[in-house]
Amino acid sequence: MSSNFRYQIPARTFTKTYKNYRSYKIYLAKDFNCRCGYTDCPDFWFGGKNTFHIDHFKPFSKNPNLETEYSNLVYCCSYVNILKSNDEGDYIDPCDVDFNDHFERDSDGSIVPKAGSKEANYMFNKLQLGLRRYSLIWKLDEMYDKMIKLKDQINDPKNEKIKNDLKLLNSDLAEEFITYLKYLKTEQ
């Protein structure tokens, strides 16, 4: 069974102009929902905004006039930005095209390029989008969201009769969550 690649499409909304592209970082983080434009991984799992990079969709080394053009900037994880570097290959702009038309997630959360998308297949290979880290982060993020929703349900007075069942479910989910975190720790 496959899932959508992302649930919220990033949109560049900031309109001011800066002379240094790094000044845009907090606005890019907001516009990209604090997620990597290419992997959709939340910056939280990488250590927050300080660890994320600003990618120039069209490399400014080859397009100097676009160095501070907000419409050319992508909030992304360091892994992808380093791999992309100055490459001008077949990339899809995360804000101009719905990545769900080109990528999906399998049942384990792995990123899968759709067969008919030459750009998605190029990006998948060049940016190493098949790395296990991205599926693990997707799983952790899914579990975290479920734990938050479950906690809200546990605290809801209308669920008093099933509160113990909800607590047991929350405990099972927390155990799975810790298992993934331990796995990540041993991968380092």
N, C-alpha and C. Protein backbone atom coordinates (compact mmCIF):
# COMPACT_ATOMS: atom_id res chain seq x y z
N MET A 1 0.83 -1.18 0.00
CA MET A 1 0.00 0.00 0.00
C MET A 1 0.88 1.25 0.00
N SER A 2 0.55 2.22 -0.83
CA SER A 2 1.34 3.44 -0.88
C SER A 2 0.58 4.60 -0.25
N SER A 3 1.34 5.59 0.17
CA SER A 3 0.80 6.79 0.79
C SER A 3 1.29 8.01 0.03
N ASN A 4 0.66 9.12 0.30
CA ASN A 4 1.14 10.38 -0.28
C ASN A 4 2.56 10.64 0.20
N PHE A 5 3.31 11.28 -0.65
CA PHE A 5 4.67 11.66 -0.30
C PHE A 5 4.65 12.73 0.80
N ARG A 6 3.77 13.71 0.64
CA ARG A 6 3.63 14.78 1.63
C ARG A 6 2.17 15.15 1.76
N TYR A 7 1.84 15.71 2.93
CA TYR A 7 0.46 16.09 3.19
C TYR A 7 0.24 17.59 3.08
N GLN A 8 1.31 18.36 3.13
CA GLN A 8 1.20 19.81 3.04
C GLN A 8 2.24 20.32 2.05
N ILE A 9 1.77 20.94 1.00
CA ILE A 9 2.65 21.43 -0.06
C ILE A 9 3.27 22.76 0.36
N PRO A 10 4.59 22.89 0.25
CA PRO A 10 5.21 24.18 0.60
C PRO A 10 4.83 25.26 -0.40
N ALA A 11 4.82 26.49 0.08
CA ALA A 11 4.50 27.63 -0.79
C ALA A 11 5.35 28.82 -0.35
N ARG A 12 6.07 29.39 -1.28
CA ARG A 12 6.88 30.57 -0.97
C ARG A 12 5.96 31.79 -0.89
N THR A 13 5.89 32.38 0.30
CA THR A 13 4.98 33.51 0.49
C THR A 13 5.68 34.80 0.86
N PHE A 14 6.94 34.72 1.25
CA PHE A 14 7.67 35.89 1.72
C PHE A 14 7.95 36.83 0.56
N THR A 15 7.78 38.12 0.77
CA THR A 15 7.92 39.07 -0.35
C THR A 15 9.03 40.11 -0.18
N LYS A 16 9.61 40.23 1.00
CA LYS A 16 10.69 41.21 1.17
C LYS A 16 11.95 40.73 0.45
N THR A 17 12.87 41.67 0.25
CA THR A 17 14.12 41.35 -0.43
C THR A 17 15.29 41.62 0.52
N TYR A 18 16.21 40.66 0.56
CA TYR A 18 17.43 40.80 1.35
C TYR A 18 18.64 40.69 0.43
N LYS A 19 19.75 41.25 0.89
CA LYS A 19 20.98 41.18 0.11
C LYS A 19 21.75 39.89 0.36
N ASN A 20 21.45 39.22 1.48
CA ASN A 20 22.11 37.97 1.82
C ASN A 20 21.05 36.87 1.89
N TYR A 21 21.20 35.84 1.11
CA TYR A 21 20.17 34.79 1.06
C TYR A 21 19.96 34.10 2.40
N ARG A 22 20.98 34.10 3.26
CA ARG A 22 20.84 33.46 4.58
C ARG A 22 19.80 34.16 5.45
N SER A 23 19.53 35.42 5.17
CA SER A 23 18.53 36.17 5.93
C SER A 23 17.12 35.62 5.74
N TYR A 24 16.91 34.83 4.72
CA TYR A 24 15.59 34.27 4.43
C TYR A 24 15.27 32.99 5.20
N LYS A 25 16.23 32.46 5.92
CA LYS A 25 16.07 31.12 6.47
C LYS A 25 14.81 30.95 7.33
N ILE A 26 14.53 31.87 8.22
CA ILE A 26 13.35 31.69 9.08
C ILE A 26 12.05 31.73 8.27
N TYR A 27 12.03 32.48 7.20
CA TYR A 27 10.84 32.57 6.35
C TYR A 27 10.70 31.32 5.49
N LEU A 28 11.85 30.82 5.02
CA LEU A 28 11.82 29.57 4.26
C LEU A 28 11.34 28.42 5.14
N ALA A 29 11.84 28.37 6.37
CA ALA A 29 11.41 27.30 7.29
C ALA A 29 9.89 27.33 7.43
N LYS A 30 9.33 28.51 7.61
CA LYS A 30 7.88 28.63 7.75
C LYS A 30 7.17 28.22 6.46
N ASP A 31 7.63 28.72 5.34
CA ASP A 31 6.99 28.41 4.05
C ASP A 31 7.10 26.93 3.67
N PHE A 32 8.16 26.28 4.14
CA PHE A 32 8.35 24.86 3.85
C PHE A 32 7.86 23.97 5.00
N ASN A 33 7.07 24.57 5.90
CA ASN A 33 6.46 23.82 7.01
C ASN A 33 7.51 23.14 7.89
N CYS A 34 8.68 23.77 8.00
CA CYS A 34 9.82 23.23 8.78
C CYS A 34 10.21 21.83 8.30
N ARG A 35 10.07 21.61 6.99
CA ARG A 35 10.39 20.31 6.40
C ARG A 35 11.31 20.50 5.19
N CYS A 36 12.10 19.47 4.94
CA CYS A 36 12.97 19.49 3.77
C CYS A 36 12.11 19.52 2.51
N GLY A 37 12.41 20.44 1.62
CA GLY A 37 11.65 20.56 0.39
C GLY A 37 11.74 19.32 -0.49
N TYR A 38 12.80 18.55 -0.35
CA TYR A 38 13.01 17.39 -1.22
C TYR A 38 12.63 16.05 -0.57
N THR A 39 12.78 15.92 0.75
CA THR A 39 12.47 14.65 1.41
C THR A 39 11.21 14.72 2.27
N ASP A 40 10.76 15.91 2.58
CA ASP A 40 9.62 16.18 3.46
C ASP A 40 9.89 15.77 4.90
N CYS A 41 11.14 15.58 5.27
CA CYS A 41 11.49 15.26 6.65
C CYS A 41 11.48 16.54 7.49
N PRO A 42 10.87 16.50 8.67
CA PRO A 42 10.87 17.68 9.55
C PRO A 42 12.27 18.01 10.05
N ASP A 43 12.57 19.30 10.14
CA ASP A 43 13.88 19.72 10.62
C ASP A 43 14.11 19.29 12.07
N PHE A 44 13.04 19.09 12.81
CA PHE A 44 13.11 18.65 14.21
C PHE A 44 13.99 17.43 14.39
N TRP A 45 13.87 16.44 13.50
CA TRP A 45 14.61 15.19 13.63
C TRP A 45 16.09 15.34 13.28
N PHE A 46 16.46 16.48 12.71
CA PHE A 46 17.86 16.72 12.34
C PHE A 46 18.53 17.70 13.30
N GLY A 47 17.78 18.19 14.29
CA GLY A 47 18.34 19.14 15.23
C GLY A 47 17.80 20.55 15.08
N GLY A 48 16.79 20.73 14.25
CA GLY A 48 16.15 22.04 14.12
C GLY A 48 16.67 22.88 12.97
N LYS A 49 16.22 24.12 12.95
CA LYS A 49 16.52 25.04 11.85
C LYS A 49 18.02 25.29 11.68
N ASN A 50 18.76 25.25 12.77
CA ASN A 50 20.21 25.54 12.68
C ASN A 50 20.96 24.52 11.83
N THR A 51 20.42 23.31 11.73
CA THR A 51 21.12 22.27 10.96
C THR A 51 20.66 22.20 9.51
N PHE A 52 19.56 22.86 9.18
CA PHE A 52 19.05 22.83 7.81
C PHE A 52 19.77 23.84 6.94
N HIS A 53 19.79 23.57 5.66
CA HIS A 53 20.47 24.42 4.69
C HIS A 53 19.46 25.17 3.83
N ILE A 54 19.99 26.10 3.06
CA ILE A 54 19.21 26.78 2.03
C ILE A 54 19.82 26.36 0.70
N ASP A 55 19.03 25.66 -0.09
CA ASP A 55 19.47 25.24 -1.42
C ASP A 55 19.06 26.30 -2.43
N HIS A 56 19.92 26.53 -3.38
CA HIS A 56 19.57 27.36 -4.54
C HIS A 56 19.08 26.38 -5.61
N PHE A 57 17.79 26.42 -5.88
CA PHE A 57 17.21 25.47 -6.82
C PHE A 57 18.01 25.46 -8.12
N LYS A 58 18.23 26.61 -8.68
CA LYS A 58 19.18 26.76 -9.78
C LYS A 58 20.44 27.30 -9.14
N PRO A 59 21.54 26.56 -9.19
CA PRO A 59 22.76 26.94 -8.47
C PRO A 59 23.21 28.37 -8.78
N PHE A 60 23.46 29.13 -7.72
CA PHE A 60 23.85 30.52 -7.94
C PHE A 60 25.26 30.63 -8.49
N SER A 61 26.06 29.56 -8.37
CA SER A 61 27.40 29.59 -8.97
C SER A 61 27.29 29.67 -10.50
N LYS A 62 26.19 29.16 -11.03
CA LYS A 62 25.97 29.19 -12.48
C LYS A 62 24.92 30.23 -12.87
N ASN A 63 24.20 30.73 -11.86
CA ASN A 63 23.15 31.73 -12.07
C ASN A 63 23.27 32.80 -10.99
N PRO A 64 24.34 33.62 -11.03
CA PRO A 64 24.60 34.57 -9.94
C PRO A 64 23.46 35.56 -9.69
N ASN A 65 22.67 35.84 -10.70
CA ASN A 65 21.54 36.77 -10.54
C ASN A 65 20.44 36.19 -9.66
N LEU A 66 20.47 34.88 -9.39
CA LEU A 66 19.44 34.22 -8.57
C LEU A 66 19.89 33.96 -7.13
N GLU A 67 21.07 34.45 -6.75
CA GLU A 67 21.60 34.16 -5.42
C GLU A 67 20.65 34.57 -4.30
N THR A 68 20.01 35.70 -4.41
CA THR A 68 19.11 36.17 -3.34
C THR A 68 17.65 36.21 -3.78
N GLU A 69 17.33 35.53 -4.85
CA GLU A 69 15.95 35.46 -5.35
C GLU A 69 15.18 34.42 -4.53
N TYR A 70 14.21 34.90 -3.74
CA TYR A 70 13.48 34.00 -2.83
C TYR A 70 12.82 32.84 -3.57
N SER A 71 12.34 33.08 -4.77
CA SER A 71 11.67 32.04 -5.54
C SER A 71 12.62 30.94 -5.99
N ASN A 72 13.92 31.15 -5.80
CA ASN A 72 14.92 30.15 -6.18
C ASN A 72 15.47 29.39 -4.97
N LEU A 73 14.96 29.68 -3.78
CA LEU A 73 15.51 29.09 -2.57
C LEU A 73 14.62 27.94 -2.06
N VAL A 74 15.27 26.91 -1.55
CA VAL A 74 14.58 25.73 -1.02
C VAL A 74 15.16 25.42 0.36
N TYR A 75 14.30 25.29 1.34
CA TYR A 75 14.68 24.87 2.69
C TYR A 75 14.89 23.36 2.63
N CYS A 76 16.09 22.90 3.01
CA CYS A 76 16.33 21.45 2.88
C CYS A 76 17.37 20.95 3.89
N CYS A 77 17.37 19.65 4.06
CA CYS A 77 18.34 19.02 4.96
C CYS A 77 19.73 19.09 4.32
N SER A 78 20.73 19.03 5.17
CA SER A 78 22.11 19.16 4.70
C SER A 78 22.50 18.02 3.76
N TYR A 79 21.98 16.81 4.02
CA TYR A 79 22.35 15.66 3.20
C TYR A 79 22.00 15.90 1.73
N VAL A 80 20.78 16.35 1.50
CA VAL A 80 20.31 16.58 0.14
C VAL A 80 21.04 17.76 -0.49
N ASN A 81 21.20 18.82 0.27
CA ASN A 81 21.86 20.01 -0.29
C ASN A 81 23.29 19.70 -0.72
N ILE A 82 23.99 18.92 0.07
CA ILE A 82 25.37 18.56 -0.28
C ILE A 82 25.40 17.68 -1.53
N LEU A 83 24.47 16.73 -1.61
CA LEU A 83 24.44 15.86 -2.79
C LEU A 83 24.03 16.63 -4.06
N LYS A 84 23.11 17.55 -3.91
CA LYS A 84 22.64 18.32 -5.07
C LYS A 84 23.73 19.26 -5.55
N SER A 85 24.39 19.92 -4.63
CA SER A 85 25.50 20.81 -4.91
C SER A 85 25.18 21.77 -6.06
N ASN A 86 25.99 21.77 -7.08
CA ASN A 86 25.80 22.68 -8.22
C ASN A 86 25.17 22.00 -9.43
N ASP A 87 24.58 20.85 -9.20
CA ASP A 87 23.97 20.08 -10.28
C ASP A 87 22.74 20.80 -10.84
N GLU A 88 22.64 20.85 -12.14
CA GLU A 88 21.48 21.47 -12.80
C GLU A 88 20.64 20.43 -13.53
N GLY A 89 20.59 19.24 -12.97
CA GLY A 89 19.84 18.15 -13.59
C GLY A 89 18.33 18.36 -13.57
N ASP A 90 17.61 17.28 -13.80
CA ASP A 90 16.14 17.32 -13.88
C ASP A 90 15.51 17.33 -12.50
N TYR A 91 15.43 18.49 -11.88
CA TYR A 91 14.83 18.62 -10.56
C TYR A 91 13.44 19.22 -10.65
N ILE A 92 12.61 18.84 -9.69
CA ILE A 92 11.26 19.38 -9.57
C ILE A 92 11.29 20.39 -8.44
N ASP A 93 10.82 21.60 -8.71
CA ASP A 93 10.75 22.63 -7.67
C ASP A 93 9.65 22.23 -6.69
N PRO A 94 9.97 22.10 -5.39
CA PRO A 94 8.99 21.64 -4.41
C PRO A 94 7.76 22.53 -4.26
N CYS A 95 7.87 23.78 -4.68
CA CYS A 95 6.73 24.70 -4.55
C CYS A 95 5.93 24.84 -5.84
N ASP A 96 6.51 24.50 -6.95
CA ASP A 96 5.84 24.70 -8.24
C ASP A 96 5.06 23.48 -8.71
N VAL A 97 5.44 22.30 -8.22
CA VAL A 97 4.82 21.05 -8.66
C VAL A 97 4.49 20.22 -7.44
N ASP A 98 3.35 19.57 -7.45
CA ASP A 98 2.95 18.70 -6.35
C ASP A 98 3.79 17.42 -6.41
N PHE A 99 4.67 17.24 -5.42
CA PHE A 99 5.53 16.05 -5.37
C PHE A 99 4.71 14.77 -5.31
N ASN A 100 3.47 14.83 -4.84
CA ASN A 100 2.62 13.63 -4.79
C ASN A 100 2.34 13.08 -6.19
N ASP A 101 2.50 13.91 -7.21
CA ASP A 101 2.32 13.45 -8.59
C ASP A 101 3.57 12.70 -9.09
N HIS A 102 4.67 12.82 -8.36
CA HIS A 102 5.93 12.24 -8.81
C HIS A 102 6.53 11.21 -7.84
N PHE A 103 6.17 11.33 -6.56
CA PHE A 103 6.71 10.44 -5.53
C PHE A 103 5.56 9.91 -4.68
N GLU A 104 5.84 8.78 -4.01
CA GLU A 104 4.91 8.27 -3.00
C GLU A 104 5.74 7.61 -1.91
N ARG A 105 5.06 7.17 -0.87
CA ARG A 105 5.71 6.45 0.22
C ARG A 105 5.17 5.03 0.24
N ASP A 106 6.05 4.05 0.43
CA ASP A 106 5.55 2.68 0.57
C ASP A 106 5.11 2.48 2.03
N SER A 107 4.70 1.27 2.37
CA SER A 107 4.15 1.01 3.71
C SER A 107 5.18 1.22 4.82
N ASP A 108 6.47 1.19 4.49
CA ASP A 108 7.51 1.45 5.48
C ASP A 108 7.92 2.92 5.54
N GLY A 109 7.31 3.74 4.69
CA GLY A 109 7.65 5.16 4.67
C GLY A 109 8.78 5.50 3.72
N SER A 110 9.28 4.51 2.99
CA SER A 110 10.36 4.78 2.02
C SER A 110 9.83 5.62 0.87
N ILE A 111 10.68 6.52 0.40
CA ILE A 111 10.33 7.36 -0.75
C ILE A 111 10.47 6.52 -2.00
N VAL A 112 9.43 6.57 -2.85
CA VAL A 112 9.42 5.79 -4.09
C VAL A 112 9.08 6.74 -5.25
N PRO A 113 9.96 6.80 -6.26
CA PRO A 113 9.62 7.64 -7.42
C PRO A 113 8.58 6.92 -8.28
N LYS A 114 7.68 7.69 -8.84
CA LYS A 114 6.69 7.08 -9.73
C LYS A 114 7.36 6.79 -11.07
N ALA A 115 7.06 5.63 -11.61
CA ALA A 115 7.74 5.13 -12.80
C ALA A 115 7.70 6.10 -13.98
N GLY A 116 6.60 6.79 -14.16
CA GLY A 116 6.46 7.67 -15.31
C GLY A 116 7.13 9.02 -15.18
N SER A 117 7.74 9.29 -14.05
CA SER A 117 8.36 10.60 -13.82
C SER A 117 9.88 10.50 -13.95
N LYS A 118 10.38 10.98 -15.07
CA LYS A 118 11.83 10.96 -15.29
C LYS A 118 12.54 11.85 -14.27
N GLU A 119 11.92 12.99 -13.90
CA GLU A 119 12.51 13.89 -12.92
C GLU A 119 12.61 13.22 -11.54
N ALA A 120 11.53 12.55 -11.14
CA ALA A 120 11.52 11.89 -9.83
C ALA A 120 12.59 10.80 -9.77
N ASN A 121 12.73 10.05 -10.82
CA ASN A 121 13.74 9.00 -10.85
C ASN A 121 15.15 9.58 -10.83
N TYR A 122 15.36 10.69 -11.53
CA TYR A 122 16.66 11.37 -11.50
C TYR A 122 16.97 11.84 -10.08
N MET A 123 16.00 12.53 -9.46
CA MET A 123 16.19 13.05 -8.11
C MET A 123 16.40 11.92 -7.10
N PHE A 124 15.64 10.86 -7.25
CA PHE A 124 15.75 9.72 -6.33
C PHE A 124 17.18 9.18 -6.33
N ASN A 125 17.77 9.05 -7.50
CA ASN A 125 19.14 8.53 -7.61
C ASN A 125 20.19 9.55 -7.20
N LYS A 126 20.09 10.76 -7.71
CA LYS A 126 21.10 11.79 -7.44
C LYS A 126 21.12 12.20 -5.97
N LEU A 127 19.93 12.35 -5.36
CA LEU A 127 19.83 12.82 -3.99
C LEU A 127 19.76 11.68 -2.96
N GLN A 128 19.88 10.46 -3.45
CA GLN A 128 19.84 9.25 -2.61
C GLN A 128 18.61 9.25 -1.69
N LEU A 129 17.44 9.49 -2.29
CA LEU A 129 16.20 9.56 -1.53
C LEU A 129 15.74 8.20 -1.00
N GLY A 130 16.39 7.15 -1.42
CA GLY A 130 16.05 5.81 -0.94
C GLY A 130 16.76 5.42 0.35
N LEU A 131 17.56 6.32 0.91
CA LEU A 131 18.27 6.00 2.15
C LEU A 131 17.29 5.71 3.28
N ARG A 132 17.64 4.76 4.11
CA ARG A 132 16.78 4.31 5.21
C ARG A 132 16.43 5.45 6.17
N ARG A 133 17.32 6.42 6.32
CA ARG A 133 17.07 7.52 7.26
C ARG A 133 15.74 8.21 6.97
N TYR A 134 15.38 8.33 5.70
CA TYR A 134 14.14 9.05 5.36
C TYR A 134 12.89 8.26 5.71
N SER A 135 12.95 6.94 5.58
CA SER A 135 11.79 6.14 5.98
C SER A 135 11.68 6.08 7.50
N LEU A 136 12.82 6.00 8.19
CA LEU A 136 12.79 5.99 9.65
C LEU A 136 12.24 7.29 10.21
N ILE A 137 12.67 8.39 9.65
CA ILE A 137 12.17 9.69 10.11
C ILE A 137 10.67 9.81 9.83
N TRP A 138 10.23 9.32 8.68
CA TRP A 138 8.80 9.34 8.36
C TRP A 138 8.02 8.54 9.39
N LYS A 139 8.52 7.34 9.72
CA LYS A 139 7.87 6.48 10.73
C LYS A 139 7.84 7.16 12.09
N LEU A 140 8.97 7.70 12.51
CA LEU A 140 9.03 8.39 13.80
C LEU A 140 8.05 9.55 13.85
N ASP A 141 7.99 10.29 12.78
CA ASP A 141 7.09 11.44 12.74
C ASP A 141 5.63 11.00 12.79
N GLU A 142 5.32 9.92 12.09
CA GLU A 142 3.95 9.37 12.13
C GLU A 142 3.60 8.92 13.55
N MET A 143 4.52 8.23 14.19
CA MET A 143 4.27 7.76 15.56
C MET A 143 4.11 8.93 16.52
N TYR A 144 4.96 9.92 16.37
CA TYR A 144 4.88 11.11 17.23
C TYR A 144 3.51 11.77 17.10
N ASP A 145 3.04 11.95 15.87
CA ASP A 145 1.72 12.56 15.64
C ASP A 145 0.61 11.73 16.28
N LYS A 146 0.71 10.42 16.15
CA LYS A 146 -0.30 9.53 16.76
C LYS A 146 -0.27 9.62 18.28
N MET A 147 0.92 9.71 18.84
CA MET A 147 1.03 9.81 20.30
C MET A 147 0.41 11.12 20.81
N ILE A 148 0.59 12.19 20.09
CA ILE A 148 0.00 13.48 20.48
C ILE A 148 -1.53 13.39 20.42
N LYS A 149 -2.05 12.82 19.34
CA LYS A 149 -3.51 12.67 19.20
C LYS A 149 -4.07 11.75 20.28
N LEU A 150 -3.36 10.70 20.57
CA LEU A 150 -3.79 9.75 21.59
C LEU A 150 -3.80 10.40 22.97
N LYS A 151 -2.78 11.19 23.27
CA LYS A 151 -2.73 11.89 24.56
C LYS A 151 -3.93 12.82 24.70
N ASP A 152 -4.29 13.51 23.63
CA ASP A 152 -5.47 14.39 23.66
C ASP A 152 -6.74 13.58 23.96
N GLN A 153 -6.82 12.40 23.37
CA GLN A 153 -8.00 11.54 23.60
C GLN A 153 -8.02 11.00 25.04
N ILE A 154 -6.86 10.68 25.57
CA ILE A 154 -6.77 10.19 26.95
C ILE A 154 -7.26 11.28 27.92
N ASN A 155 -6.90 12.52 27.63
CA ASN A 155 -7.27 13.64 28.51
C ASN A 155 -8.68 14.17 28.28
N ASP A 156 -9.36 13.67 27.26
CA ASP A 156 -10.72 14.12 26.97
C ASP A 156 -11.70 13.43 27.93
N PRO A 157 -12.44 14.20 28.72
CA PRO A 157 -13.38 13.60 29.70
C PRO A 157 -14.43 12.68 29.08
N LYS A 158 -14.80 12.88 27.85
CA LYS A 158 -15.81 12.02 27.23
C LYS A 158 -15.29 10.59 27.00
N ASN A 159 -13.98 10.38 27.09
CA ASN A 159 -13.39 9.06 26.89
C ASN A 159 -13.06 8.36 28.21
N GLU A 160 -13.65 8.80 29.29
CA GLU A 160 -13.34 8.24 30.61
C GLU A 160 -13.50 6.73 30.66
N LYS A 161 -14.50 6.19 29.99
CA LYS A 161 -14.76 4.74 30.03
C LYS A 161 -13.68 3.92 29.34
N ILE A 162 -13.03 4.52 28.36
CA ILE A 162 -11.99 3.77 27.63
C ILE A 162 -10.59 4.30 27.91
N LYS A 163 -10.48 5.12 28.93
CA LYS A 163 -9.20 5.76 29.26
C LYS A 163 -8.08 4.73 29.46
N ASN A 164 -8.34 3.65 30.17
CA ASN A 164 -7.30 2.63 30.41
C ASN A 164 -6.86 1.96 29.11
N ASP A 165 -7.82 1.68 28.21
CA ASP A 165 -7.47 1.10 26.91
C ASP A 165 -6.61 2.06 26.11
N LEU A 166 -6.95 3.33 26.15
CA LEU A 166 -6.17 4.34 25.44
C LEU A 166 -4.76 4.46 26.02
N LYS A 167 -4.65 4.34 27.33
CA LYS A 167 -3.32 4.41 27.97
C LYS A 167 -2.47 3.20 27.56
N LEU A 168 -3.09 2.04 27.47
CA LEU A 168 -2.36 0.85 27.02
C LEU A 168 -1.89 1.01 25.57
N LEU A 169 -2.75 1.53 24.74
CA LEU A 169 -2.39 1.78 23.35
C LEU A 169 -1.24 2.78 23.27
N ASN A 170 -1.31 3.82 24.08
CA ASN A 170 -0.25 4.82 24.13
C ASN A 170 1.06 4.19 24.58
N SER A 171 0.99 3.30 25.53
CA SER A 171 2.18 2.61 26.02
C SER A 171 2.81 1.75 24.92
N ASP A 172 1.97 1.04 24.17
CA ASP A 172 2.47 0.21 23.05
C ASP A 172 3.14 1.09 21.99
N LEU A 173 2.53 2.21 21.70
CA LEU A 173 3.07 3.12 20.71
C LEU A 173 4.40 3.72 21.19
N ALA A 174 4.46 4.07 22.46
CA ALA A 174 5.70 4.62 23.02
C ALA A 174 6.83 3.58 22.95
N GLU A 175 6.49 2.32 23.19
CA GLU A 175 7.50 1.26 23.12
C GLU A 175 8.05 1.13 21.70
N GLU A 176 7.17 1.18 20.72
CA GLU A 176 7.59 1.12 19.32
C GLU A 176 8.45 2.33 18.96
N PHE A 177 8.06 3.48 19.45
CA PHE A 177 8.77 4.73 19.23
C PHE A 177 10.21 4.61 19.76
N ILE A 178 10.35 4.09 20.95
CA ILE A 178 11.67 3.91 21.57
C ILE A 178 12.51 2.91 20.79
N THR A 179 11.87 1.86 20.29
CA THR A 179 12.57 0.87 19.47
C THR A 179 13.20 1.55 18.25
N TYR A 180 12.46 2.42 17.58
CA TYR A 180 12.99 3.13 16.42
C TYR A 180 14.13 4.06 16.82
N LEU A 181 13.96 4.76 17.94
CA LEU A 181 15.02 5.66 18.38
C LEU A 181 16.30 4.89 18.71
N LYS A 182 16.17 3.74 19.34
CA LYS A 182 17.34 2.91 19.64
C LYS A 182 18.01 2.46 18.35
N TYR A 183 17.20 2.09 17.36
CA TYR A 183 17.75 1.68 16.07
C TYR A 183 18.57 2.83 15.46
N LEU A 184 18.03 4.02 15.51
CA LEU A 184 18.75 5.18 14.98
C LEU A 184 20.07 5.40 15.70
N LYS A 185 20.06 5.22 16.99
CA LYS A 185 21.26 5.41 17.78
C LYS A 185 22.35 4.43 17.39
N THR A 186 21.98 3.19 17.12
CA THR A 186 22.97 2.18 16.74
C THR A 186 23.46 2.35 15.31
N GLU A 187 22.72 3.09 14.48
CA GLU A 187 23.12 3.33 13.09
C GLU A 187 24.23 4.36 12.98
N GLN A 188 24.48 5.13 14.01
CA GLN A 188 25.46 6.23 13.93
C GLN A 188 26.87 5.73 13.96
